[in-house]
Amino acid sequence: MLWVAIIGVSSLSTLYSLCLKILQKDHIRARHDFFLFSFLMNLVQAVALLLLPPFARLSFSRESLILGTVAGLLILANYLFMVLALAHGPLALTNSLFSINMLIPIVYGLFFWDETLSLRAVGGLVLFIVSILFVSNATYYEQNTAKKTSIQWLIYVLLSFLCGGTTMILSKQLALTRPDQNRSYLLVYIATNMVLSVLAFLFLKRRAPGASPLKDSLGAKYLLLCLVAGTAMAGANTFFMRAIGVSSSAFFFPATRGLGIILMLVLSSLIFRERLSRRALSGFI
């Protein structure tokens, strides 16, 4: 069952990242465009979560309300920095660096969740980090044009790294202490996301000169992206919350991220014609 969750989280998160990349390439023209997508995607995710079994009466504890609200703030920031990073770098390379944020909950778990690291796990983590360093120091190729990663891109990746890693700590803490509140926690963070997204959208759109009317943004392809991304995240988060409370951080996070990197490398090459340099490719291998 654990491997079903790992495959589910990896594949659905990859699908979500693909939607973000398409959104960045074809639909985001100003900062407020991202927040419109965030609101609609989270609306779809909330509906999908309510429709997923098991069907039970919802209750909201103090833990789910507090942790869910903070997670909602961090996840929205993580989404924003992720989109900005994707705008300045290729999909496979950017996604691989996001994967390092798993070190934050792993280290936290050693001190606060009484988790341990075997020599095999330490060796695996070292190899994983070394491979990421190979990738991050390499020139990347998008289609046939060689480019160098920029400082601005690196800043966005690091900010997303911090937000994503802290969110994983909050999620696992809730899953360990109140597993019956998993869905409530997810709905609270989604509601927080939606409220903040609406406020940010209205504020930024008012300040954007010559912003297009809202109806011009809601095309069929755009709405389909929101539908697919929201449904994918609902499934990924459901698998995620059920698995992290019963598995070791040192196993679950590297397993899901490693599989996600492989999937992203293959799909970004096929869909977006992105290629990595030989040095970066050696890091994946």
C-alpha atoms as a PDB file:
ATOM      1  CA  MET A   1       0.000   0.000   0.000  1.00  0.00           C
ATOM      2  CA  LEU A   2       2.909   2.347   0.721  1.00  0.00           C
ATOM      3  CA  TRP A   3       4.278   1.936  -2.797  1.00  0.00           C
ATOM      4  CA  VAL A   4       0.829   2.685  -4.211  1.00  0.00           C
ATOM      5  CA  ALA A   5       0.941   5.977  -2.306  1.00  0.00           C
ATOM      6  CA  ILE A   6       4.484   6.708  -3.518  1.00  0.00           C
ATOM      7  CA  ILE A   7       3.544   6.105  -7.155  1.00  0.00           C
ATOM      8  CA  GLY A   8       0.329   8.087  -6.721  1.00  0.00           C
ATOM      9  CA  VAL A   9       2.042  11.112  -5.169  1.00  0.00           C
ATOM     10  CA  SER A  10       4.864  11.091  -7.735  1.00  0.00           C
ATOM     11  CA  SER A  11       2.715  10.722 -10.847  1.00  0.00           C
ATOM     12  CA  LEU A  12      -0.008  13.167  -9.800  1.00  0.00           C
ATOM     13  CA  SER A  13       2.514  15.775  -8.617  1.00  0.00           C
ATOM     14  CA  THR A  14       4.284  15.445 -11.966  1.00  0.00           C
ATOM     15  CA  LEU A  15       0.989  16.049 -13.756  1.00  0.00           C
ATOM     16  CA  TYR A  16       0.461  19.162 -11.647  1.00  0.00           C
ATOM     17  CA  SER A  17       3.958  20.455 -12.492  1.00  0.00           C
ATOM     18  CA  LEU A  18       3.253  19.947 -16.186  1.00  0.00           C
ATOM     19  CA  CYS A  19       0.106  22.051 -15.843  1.00  0.00           C
ATOM     20  CA  LEU A  20       2.149  24.792 -14.136  1.00  0.00           C
ATOM     21  CA  LYS A  21       4.700  24.774 -16.935  1.00  0.00           C
ATOM     22  CA  ILE A  22       2.002  25.065 -19.611  1.00  0.00           C
ATOM     23  CA  LEU A  23       0.352  27.824 -17.596  1.00  0.00           C
ATOM     24  CA  GLN A  24       3.627  29.737 -17.357  1.00  0.00           C
ATOM     25  CA  LYS A  25       4.345  29.379 -21.062  1.00  0.00           C
ATOM     26  CA  ASP A  26       0.894  30.187 -22.435  1.00  0.00           C
ATOM     27  CA  HIS A  27      -1.246  32.043 -19.902  1.00  0.00           C
ATOM     28  CA  ILE A  28       0.691  34.009 -17.283  1.00  0.00           C
ATOM     29  CA  ARG A  29       1.328  37.510 -18.592  1.00  0.00           C
ATOM     30  CA  ALA A  30       1.209  39.382 -15.265  1.00  0.00           C
ATOM     31  CA  ARG A  31       1.485  38.504 -11.578  1.00  0.00           C
ATOM     32  CA  HIS A  32      -2.268  38.604 -10.990  1.00  0.00           C
ATOM     33  CA  ASP A  33      -2.765  35.838 -13.579  1.00  0.00           C
ATOM     34  CA  PHE A  34      -1.131  33.323 -11.249  1.00  0.00           C
ATOM     35  CA  PHE A  35      -3.490  34.126  -8.373  1.00  0.00           C
ATOM     36  CA  LEU A  36      -6.536  33.638 -10.583  1.00  0.00           C
ATOM     37  CA  PHE A  37      -5.216  30.186 -11.463  1.00  0.00           C
ATOM     38  CA  SER A  38      -4.508  29.475  -7.778  1.00  0.00           C
ATOM     39  CA  PHE A  39      -8.090  30.306  -6.793  1.00  0.00           C
ATOM     40  CA  LEU A  40      -9.692  28.212  -9.533  1.00  0.00           C
ATOM     41  CA  MET A  41      -7.299  25.285  -9.076  1.00  0.00           C
ATOM     42  CA  ASN A  42      -7.933  25.194  -5.321  1.00  0.00           C
ATOM     43  CA  LEU A  43     -11.681  25.437  -5.874  1.00  0.00           C
ATOM     44  CA  VAL A  44     -11.473  22.309  -8.028  1.00  0.00           C
ATOM     45  CA  GLN A  45      -9.237  20.636  -5.442  1.00  0.00           C
ATOM     46  CA  ALA A  46     -11.716  21.348  -2.631  1.00  0.00           C
ATOM     47  CA  VAL A  47     -14.622  19.887  -4.613  1.00  0.00           C
ATOM     48  CA  ALA A  48     -12.551  16.831  -5.541  1.00  0.00           C
ATOM     49  CA  LEU A  49     -11.555  16.237  -1.907  1.00  0.00           C
ATOM     50  CA  LEU A  50     -15.182  16.360  -0.810  1.00  0.00           C
ATOM     51  CA  LEU A  51     -16.102  13.816  -3.491  1.00  0.00           C
ATOM     52  CA  LEU A  52     -13.303  11.355  -2.661  1.00  0.00           C
ATOM     53  CA  PRO A  53     -14.130   8.411  -0.345  1.00  0.00           C
ATOM     54  CA  PRO A  54     -14.398   7.679   2.514  1.00  0.00           C
ATOM     55  CA  PHE A  55     -17.463   9.814   3.085  1.00  0.00           C
ATOM     56  CA  ALA A  56     -17.717  10.971   6.685  1.00  0.00           C
ATOM     57  CA  ARG A  57     -18.874  14.001   8.614  1.00  0.00           C
ATOM     58  CA  LEU A  58     -16.216  16.704   8.727  1.00  0.00           C
ATOM     59  CA  SER A  59     -14.954  18.146  12.000  1.00  0.00           C
ATOM     60  CA  PHE A  60     -12.283  20.770  12.533  1.00  0.00           C
ATOM     61  CA  SER A  61      -9.931  20.581  15.511  1.00  0.00           C
ATOM     62  CA  ARG A  62      -7.682  23.346  16.776  1.00  0.00           C
ATOM     63  CA  GLU A  63      -4.688  21.578  15.223  1.00  0.00           C
ATOM     64  CA  SER A  64      -6.247  21.342  11.773  1.00  0.00           C
ATOM     65  CA  LEU A  65      -7.336  24.995  11.861  1.00  0.00           C
ATOM     66  CA  ILE A  66      -3.987  26.414  13.012  1.00  0.00           C
ATOM     67  CA  LEU A  67      -1.679  24.159  11.015  1.00  0.00           C
ATOM     68  CA  GLY A  68      -3.947  24.318   7.978  1.00  0.00           C
ATOM     69  CA  THR A  69      -3.984  28.119   7.973  1.00  0.00           C
ATOM     70  CA  VAL A  70      -0.191  28.396   8.246  1.00  0.00           C
ATOM     71  CA  ALA A  71       0.247  25.715   5.589  1.00  0.00           C
ATOM     72  CA  GLY A  72      -2.118  27.620   3.311  1.00  0.00           C
ATOM     73  CA  LEU A  73       0.083  30.707   3.545  1.00  0.00           C
ATOM     74  CA  LEU A  74       3.253  28.729   2.860  1.00  0.00           C
ATOM     75  CA  ILE A  75       1.787  26.681   0.024  1.00  0.00           C
ATOM     76  CA  LEU A  76       0.559  29.781  -1.802  1.00  0.00           C
ATOM     77  CA  ALA A  77       4.035  31.303  -1.483  1.00  0.00           C
ATOM     78  CA  ASN A  78       5.542  28.006  -2.644  1.00  0.00           C
ATOM     79  CA  TYR A  79       3.275  27.923  -5.719  1.00  0.00           C
ATOM     80  CA  LEU A  80       4.183  31.500  -6.604  1.00  0.00           C
ATOM     81  CA  PHE A  81       7.945  30.975  -6.295  1.00  0.00           C
ATOM     82  CA  MET A  82       7.624  27.696  -8.210  1.00  0.00           C
ATOM     83  CA  VAL A  83       5.914  29.409 -11.149  1.00  0.00           C
ATOM     84  CA  LEU A  84       8.516  32.195 -11.138  1.00  0.00           C
ATOM     85  CA  ALA A  85      11.321  29.629 -11.087  1.00  0.00           C
ATOM     86  CA  LEU A  86       9.757  27.691 -13.955  1.00  0.00           C
ATOM     87  CA  ALA A  87       9.636  30.935 -15.937  1.00  0.00           C
ATOM     88  CA  HIS A  88      13.429  31.277 -15.630  1.00  0.00           C
ATOM     89  CA  GLY A  89      14.545  27.662 -16.015  1.00  0.00           C
ATOM     90  CA  PRO A  90      13.677  24.327 -17.649  1.00  0.00           C
ATOM     91  CA  LEU A  91      11.130  21.998 -16.143  1.00  0.00           C
ATOM     92  CA  ALA A  92      13.349  18.998 -15.290  1.00  0.00           C
ATOM     93  CA  LEU A  93      16.169  21.076 -13.811  1.00  0.00           C
ATOM     94  CA  THR A  94      13.883  23.273 -11.701  1.00  0.00           C
ATOM     95  CA  ASN A  95      11.838  20.331 -10.449  1.00  0.00           C
ATOM     96  CA  SER A  96      14.987  18.443  -9.415  1.00  0.00           C
ATOM     97  CA  LEU A  97      16.127  21.300  -7.177  1.00  0.00           C
ATOM     98  CA  PHE A  98      12.690  21.566  -5.590  1.00  0.00           C
ATOM     99  CA  SER A  99      13.232  17.972  -4.505  1.00  0.00           C
ATOM    100  CA  ILE A 100      16.003  18.900  -2.069  1.00  0.00           C
ATOM    101  CA  ASN A 101      13.435  20.435   0.301  1.00  0.00           C
ATOM    102  CA  MET A 102      12.778  16.907   1.567  1.00  0.00           C
ATOM    103  CA  LEU A 103      15.904  17.364   3.717  1.00  0.00           C
ATOM    104  CA  ILE A 104      14.010  19.818   5.928  1.00  0.00           C
ATOM    105  CA  PRO A 105      11.440  17.301   7.293  1.00  0.00           C
ATOM    106  CA  ILE A 106      14.062  14.519   7.372  1.00  0.00           C
ATOM    107  CA  VAL A 107      16.373  16.545   9.631  1.00  0.00           C
ATOM    108  CA  TYR A 108      13.415  17.771  11.691  1.00  0.00           C
ATOM    109  CA  GLY A 109      12.248  14.181  12.169  1.00  0.00           C
ATOM    110  CA  LEU A 110      15.576  13.149  13.684  1.00  0.00           C
ATOM    111  CA  PHE A 111      15.137  15.671  16.493  1.00  0.00           C
ATOM    112  CA  PHE A 112      11.381  15.846  17.061  1.00  0.00           C
ATOM    113  CA  TRP A 113       9.759  12.651  15.708  1.00  0.00           C
ATOM    114  CA  ASP A 114      12.286  10.116  17.052  1.00  0.00           C
ATOM    115  CA  GLU A 115      13.110   8.941  13.537  1.00  0.00           C
ATOM    116  CA  THR A 116      16.434   7.319  12.698  1.00  0.00           C
ATOM    117  CA  LEU A 117      18.694   7.066   9.665  1.00  0.00           C
ATOM    118  CA  SER A 118      20.383   3.791   8.745  1.00  0.00           C
ATOM    119  CA  LEU A 119      23.756   3.750   7.005  1.00  0.00           C
ATOM    120  CA  ARG A 120      21.997   2.701   3.808  1.00  0.00           C
ATOM    121  CA  ALA A 121      19.598   5.652   4.090  1.00  0.00           C
ATOM    122  CA  VAL A 122      22.469   8.071   4.715  1.00  0.00           C
ATOM    123  CA  GLY A 123      24.332   6.707   1.701  1.00  0.00           C
ATOM    124  CA  GLY A 124      21.235   7.040  -0.453  1.00  0.00           C
ATOM    125  CA  LEU A 125      20.671  10.632   0.633  1.00  0.00           C
ATOM    126  CA  VAL A 126      24.299  11.547  -0.058  1.00  0.00           C
ATOM    127  CA  LEU A 127      24.088  10.075  -3.559  1.00  0.00           C
ATOM    128  CA  PHE A 128      20.802  11.890  -4.138  1.00  0.00           C
ATOM    129  CA  ILE A 129      22.284  15.253  -3.088  1.00  0.00           C
ATOM    130  CA  VAL A 130      25.417  14.718  -5.182  1.00  0.00           C
ATOM    131  CA  SER A 131      23.281  13.981  -8.234  1.00  0.00           C
ATOM    132  CA  ILE A 132      21.295  17.173  -7.634  1.00  0.00           C
ATOM    133  CA  LEU A 133      24.540  19.168  -7.384  1.00  0.00           C
ATOM    134  CA  PHE A 134      25.603  17.773 -10.759  1.00  0.00           C
ATOM    135  CA  VAL A 135      22.342  18.961 -12.223  1.00  0.00           C
ATOM    136  CA  SER A 136      22.298  22.394 -10.570  1.00  0.00           C
ATOM    137  CA  ASN A 137      25.839  23.298 -11.642  1.00  0.00           C
ATOM    138  CA  ALA A 138      25.306  22.323 -15.268  1.00  0.00           C
ATOM    139  CA  THR A 139      24.290  24.299 -18.304  1.00  0.00           C
ATOM    140  CA  TYR A 140      20.826  23.362 -19.459  1.00  0.00           C
ATOM    141  CA  TYR A 141      19.494  23.163 -22.982  1.00  0.00           C
ATOM    142  CA  GLU A 142      15.978  24.158 -23.959  1.00  0.00           C
ATOM    143  CA  GLN A 143      15.300  22.811 -27.436  1.00  0.00           C
ATOM    144  CA  ASN A 144      18.582  23.607 -29.257  1.00  0.00           C
ATOM    145  CA  THR A 145      19.638  26.727 -27.353  1.00  0.00           C
ATOM    146  CA  ALA A 146      22.208  26.529 -24.531  1.00  0.00           C
ATOM    147  CA  LYS A 147      21.462  28.734 -21.516  1.00  0.00           C
ATOM    148  CA  LYS A 148      22.953  29.407 -18.089  1.00  0.00           C
ATOM    149  CA  THR A 149      20.867  29.419 -14.924  1.00  0.00           C
ATOM    150  CA  SER A 150      20.558  32.851 -13.312  1.00  0.00           C
ATOM    151  CA  ILE A 151      20.794  34.185  -9.749  1.00  0.00           C
ATOM    152  CA  GLN A 152      17.154  35.268  -9.956  1.00  0.00           C
ATOM    153  CA  TRP A 153      16.126  31.720 -10.832  1.00  0.00           C
ATOM    154  CA  LEU A 154      18.190  30.339  -7.931  1.00  0.00           C
ATOM    155  CA  ILE A 155      16.548  32.747  -5.446  1.00  0.00           C
ATOM    156  CA  TYR A 156      13.078  31.629  -6.518  1.00  0.00           C
ATOM    157  CA  VAL A 157      14.104  27.974  -6.149  1.00  0.00           C
ATOM    158  CA  LEU A 158      15.515  28.556  -2.641  1.00  0.00           C
ATOM    159  CA  LEU A 159      12.392  30.412  -1.481  1.00  0.00           C
ATOM    160  CA  SER A 160      10.215  27.612  -2.809  1.00  0.00           C
ATOM    161  CA  PHE A 161      12.575  25.148  -1.084  1.00  0.00           C
ATOM    162  CA  LEU A 162      12.015  26.757   2.333  1.00  0.00           C
ATOM    163  CA  CYS A 163       8.257  27.116   1.956  1.00  0.00           C
ATOM    164  CA  GLY A 164       7.816  23.567   0.659  1.00  0.00           C
ATOM    165  CA  GLY A 165      10.002  21.973   3.327  1.00  0.00           C
ATOM    166  CA  THR A 166       8.235  23.762   6.173  1.00  0.00           C
ATOM    167  CA  THR A 167       4.847  22.769   4.768  1.00  0.00           C
ATOM    168  CA  MET A 168       5.894  19.102   4.815  1.00  0.00           C
ATOM    169  CA  ILE A 169       6.760  19.424   8.508  1.00  0.00           C
ATOM    170  CA  LEU A 170       3.321  20.859   9.289  1.00  0.00           C
ATOM    171  CA  SER A 171       1.579  18.162   7.240  1.00  0.00           C
ATOM    172  CA  LYS A 172       3.429  15.282   8.876  1.00  0.00           C
ATOM    173  CA  GLN A 173       2.922  16.760  12.344  1.00  0.00           C
ATOM    174  CA  LEU A 174      -0.837  16.797  11.747  1.00  0.00           C
ATOM    175  CA  ALA A 175      -0.809  13.288  10.241  1.00  0.00           C
ATOM    176  CA  LEU A 176       1.074  11.953  13.275  1.00  0.00           C
ATOM    177  CA  THR A 177      -1.023  13.618  15.969  1.00  0.00           C
ATOM    178  CA  ARG A 178      -4.491  13.817  14.391  1.00  0.00           C
ATOM    179  CA  PRO A 179      -4.756  11.451  11.401  1.00  0.00           C
ATOM    180  CA  ASP A 180      -8.541  11.701  11.591  1.00  0.00           C
ATOM    181  CA  GLN A 181      -8.177  15.387  10.655  1.00  0.00           C
ATOM    182  CA  ASN A 182      -6.250  14.892   7.402  1.00  0.00           C
ATOM    183  CA  ARG A 183      -9.078  15.962   5.098  1.00  0.00           C
ATOM    184  CA  SER A 184     -10.094  18.833   7.376  1.00  0.00           C
ATOM    185  CA  TYR A 185      -6.506  20.075   7.409  1.00  0.00           C
ATOM    186  CA  LEU A 186      -6.348  19.980   3.613  1.00  0.00           C
ATOM    187  CA  LEU A 187      -9.641  21.861   3.288  1.00  0.00           C
ATOM    188  CA  VAL A 188      -8.487  24.558   5.733  1.00  0.00           C
ATOM    189  CA  TYR A 189      -5.252  25.171   3.841  1.00  0.00           C
ATOM    190  CA  ILE A 190      -7.171  25.232   0.547  1.00  0.00           C
ATOM    191  CA  ALA A 191      -9.687  27.752   1.913  1.00  0.00           C
ATOM    192  CA  THR A 192      -6.816  29.933   3.164  1.00  0.00           C
ATOM    193  CA  ASN A 193      -5.214  29.715  -0.262  1.00  0.00           C
ATOM    194  CA  MET A 194      -8.414  30.723  -2.001  1.00  0.00           C
ATOM    195  CA  VAL A 195      -9.049  33.765   0.197  1.00  0.00           C
ATOM    196  CA  LEU A 196      -5.479  35.030  -0.177  1.00  0.00           C
ATOM    197  CA  SER A 197      -5.523  34.362  -3.914  1.00  0.00           C
ATOM    198  CA  VAL A 198      -8.676  36.437  -4.406  1.00  0.00           C
ATOM    199  CA  LEU A 199      -7.260  39.335  -2.383  1.00  0.00           C
ATOM    200  CA  ALA A 200      -3.942  39.238  -4.238  1.00  0.00           C
ATOM    201  CA  PHE A 201      -5.678  38.978  -7.617  1.00  0.00           C
ATOM    202  CA  LEU A 202      -7.923  41.985  -6.981  1.00  0.00           C
ATOM    203  CA  PHE A 203      -5.069  44.083  -5.605  1.00  0.00           C
ATOM    204  CA  LEU A 204      -2.592  43.294  -8.386  1.00  0.00           C
ATOM    205  CA  LYS A 205      -5.140  43.499 -11.196  1.00  0.00           C
ATOM    206  CA  ARG A 206      -6.170  46.982 -10.090  1.00  0.00           C
ATOM    207  CA  ARG A 207      -2.535  48.083 -10.200  1.00  0.00           C
ATOM    208  CA  ALA A 208      -1.814  46.448 -13.568  1.00  0.00           C
ATOM    209  CA  PRO A 209      -2.076  48.973 -16.434  1.00  0.00           C
ATOM    210  CA  GLY A 210      -4.235  47.826 -19.321  1.00  0.00           C
ATOM    211  CA  ALA A 211      -5.201  44.529 -17.667  1.00  0.00           C
ATOM    212  CA  SER A 212      -7.526  42.451 -19.837  1.00  0.00           C
ATOM    213  CA  PRO A 213     -11.094  41.735 -18.656  1.00  0.00           C
ATOM    214  CA  LEU A 214     -11.559  38.635 -16.513  1.00  0.00           C
ATOM    215  CA  LYS A 215     -13.654  36.851 -19.142  1.00  0.00           C
ATOM    216  CA  ASP A 216     -10.735  37.018 -21.599  1.00  0.00           C
ATOM    217  CA  SER A 217      -8.647  34.821 -19.278  1.00  0.00           C
ATOM    218  CA  LEU A 218     -11.210  32.058 -18.867  1.00  0.00           C
ATOM    219  CA  GLY A 219     -10.737  30.149 -22.099  1.00  0.00           C
ATOM    220  CA  ALA A 220     -11.417  26.438 -22.506  1.00  0.00           C
ATOM    221  CA  LYS A 221      -7.730  25.444 -22.356  1.00  0.00           C
ATOM    222  CA  TYR A 222      -7.166  27.566 -19.240  1.00  0.00           C
ATOM    223  CA  LEU A 223     -10.163  26.076 -17.432  1.00  0.00           C
ATOM    224  CA  LEU A 224      -9.042  22.578 -18.433  1.00  0.00           C
ATOM    225  CA  LEU A 225      -5.623  23.267 -16.877  1.00  0.00           C
ATOM    226  CA  CYS A 226      -7.341  24.335 -13.653  1.00  0.00           C
ATOM    227  CA  LEU A 227      -9.505  21.209 -13.674  1.00  0.00           C
ATOM    228  CA  VAL A 228      -6.616  18.809 -14.288  1.00  0.00           C
ATOM    229  CA  ALA A 229      -4.250  20.537 -11.836  1.00  0.00           C
ATOM    230  CA  GLY A 230      -6.850  20.723  -9.055  1.00  0.00           C
ATOM    231  CA  THR A 231      -7.915  17.107  -9.450  1.00  0.00           C
ATOM    232  CA  ALA A 232      -4.286  15.945  -9.556  1.00  0.00           C
ATOM    233  CA  MET A 233      -3.431  17.828  -6.372  1.00  0.00           C
ATOM    234  CA  ALA A 234      -6.489  16.473  -4.552  1.00  0.00           C
ATOM    235  CA  GLY A 235      -5.368  12.929  -5.322  1.00  0.00           C
ATOM    236  CA  ALA A 236      -1.702  13.604  -4.568  1.00  0.00           C
ATOM    237  CA  ASN A 237      -2.486  15.261  -1.230  1.00  0.00           C
ATOM    238  CA  THR A 238      -4.811  12.428  -0.209  1.00  0.00           C
ATOM    239  CA  PHE A 239      -2.123   9.807  -0.889  1.00  0.00           C
ATOM    240  CA  PHE A 240       0.460  12.048   0.788  1.00  0.00           C
ATOM    241  CA  MET A 241      -1.413  12.582   4.061  1.00  0.00           C
ATOM    242  CA  ARG A 242      -2.287   8.905   4.418  1.00  0.00           C
ATOM    243  CA  ALA A 243       1.309   7.768   3.892  1.00  0.00           C
ATOM    244  CA  ILE A 244       3.462  10.264   5.796  1.00  0.00           C
ATOM    245  CA  GLY A 245       1.934   9.429   9.150  1.00  0.00           C
ATOM    246  CA  VAL A 246       2.930   5.756   8.915  1.00  0.00           C
ATOM    247  CA  SER A 247       6.249   5.876   7.037  1.00  0.00           C
ATOM    248  CA  SER A 248       9.750   7.134   7.728  1.00  0.00           C
ATOM    249  CA  SER A 249      10.583  10.569   6.311  1.00  0.00           C
ATOM    250  CA  ALA A 250      13.990   9.289   5.170  1.00  0.00           C
ATOM    251  CA  PHE A 251      12.264   6.686   2.982  1.00  0.00           C
ATOM    252  CA  PHE A 252       9.016   8.276   1.836  1.00  0.00           C
ATOM    253  CA  PHE A 253      10.258  11.698   0.736  1.00  0.00           C
ATOM    254  CA  PRO A 254      13.307  10.493  -1.278  1.00  0.00           C
ATOM    255  CA  ALA A 255      11.233   7.731  -2.895  1.00  0.00           C
ATOM    256  CA  THR A 256       8.479  10.082  -4.070  1.00  0.00           C
ATOM    257  CA  ARG A 257      10.917  12.784  -5.180  1.00  0.00           C
ATOM    258  CA  GLY A 258      13.242  10.393  -6.979  1.00  0.00           C
ATOM    259  CA  LEU A 259      10.407   8.855  -8.971  1.00  0.00           C
ATOM    260  CA  GLY A 260       9.029  12.336  -9.651  1.00  0.00           C
ATOM    261  CA  ILE A 261      12.358  13.505 -11.081  1.00  0.00           C
ATOM    262  CA  ILE A 262      12.522  10.542 -13.447  1.00  0.00           C
ATOM    263  CA  LEU A 263       8.973  11.138 -14.652  1.00  0.00           C
ATOM    264  CA  MET A 264       9.626  14.856 -15.109  1.00  0.00           C
ATOM    265  CA  LEU A 265      12.837  14.260 -17.043  1.00  0.00           C
ATOM    266  CA  VAL A 266      11.074  11.960 -19.492  1.00  0.00           C
ATOM    267  CA  LEU A 267       7.961  14.088 -19.947  1.00  0.00           C
ATOM    268  CA  SER A 268       9.760  17.440 -20.214  1.00  0.00           C
ATOM    269  CA  SER A 269      11.928  15.966 -22.946  1.00  0.00           C
ATOM    270  CA  LEU A 270       8.940  14.598 -24.858  1.00  0.00           C
ATOM    271  CA  ILE A 271       6.504  17.491 -24.410  1.00  0.00           C
ATOM    272  CA  PHE A 272       8.653  20.621 -24.169  1.00  0.00           C
ATOM    273  CA  ARG A 273      11.700  19.431 -26.133  1.00  0.00           C
ATOM    274  CA  GLU A 274      13.984  20.290 -23.211  1.00  0.00           C
ATOM    275  CA  ARG A 275      17.417  18.660 -23.075  1.00  0.00           C
ATOM    276  CA  LEU A 276      19.988  18.554 -20.295  1.00  0.00           C
ATOM    277  CA  SER A 277      23.732  18.792 -20.796  1.00  0.00           C
ATOM    278  CA  ARG A 278      25.794  15.619 -20.374  1.00  0.00           C
ATOM    279  CA  ARG A 279      26.971  16.719 -16.946  1.00  0.00           C
ATOM    280  CA  ALA A 280      23.423  17.320 -15.762  1.00  0.00           C
ATOM    281  CA  LEU A 281      22.238  14.046 -17.271  1.00  0.00           C
ATOM    282  CA  SER A 282      24.982  12.189 -15.402  1.00  0.00           C
ATOM    283  CA  GLY A 283      23.502  13.561 -12.187  1.00  0.00           C
ATOM    284  CA  PHE A 284      20.136  11.989 -12.983  1.00  0.00           C
ATOM    285  CA  ILE A 285      21.775   8.671 -13.814  1.00  0.00           C
END
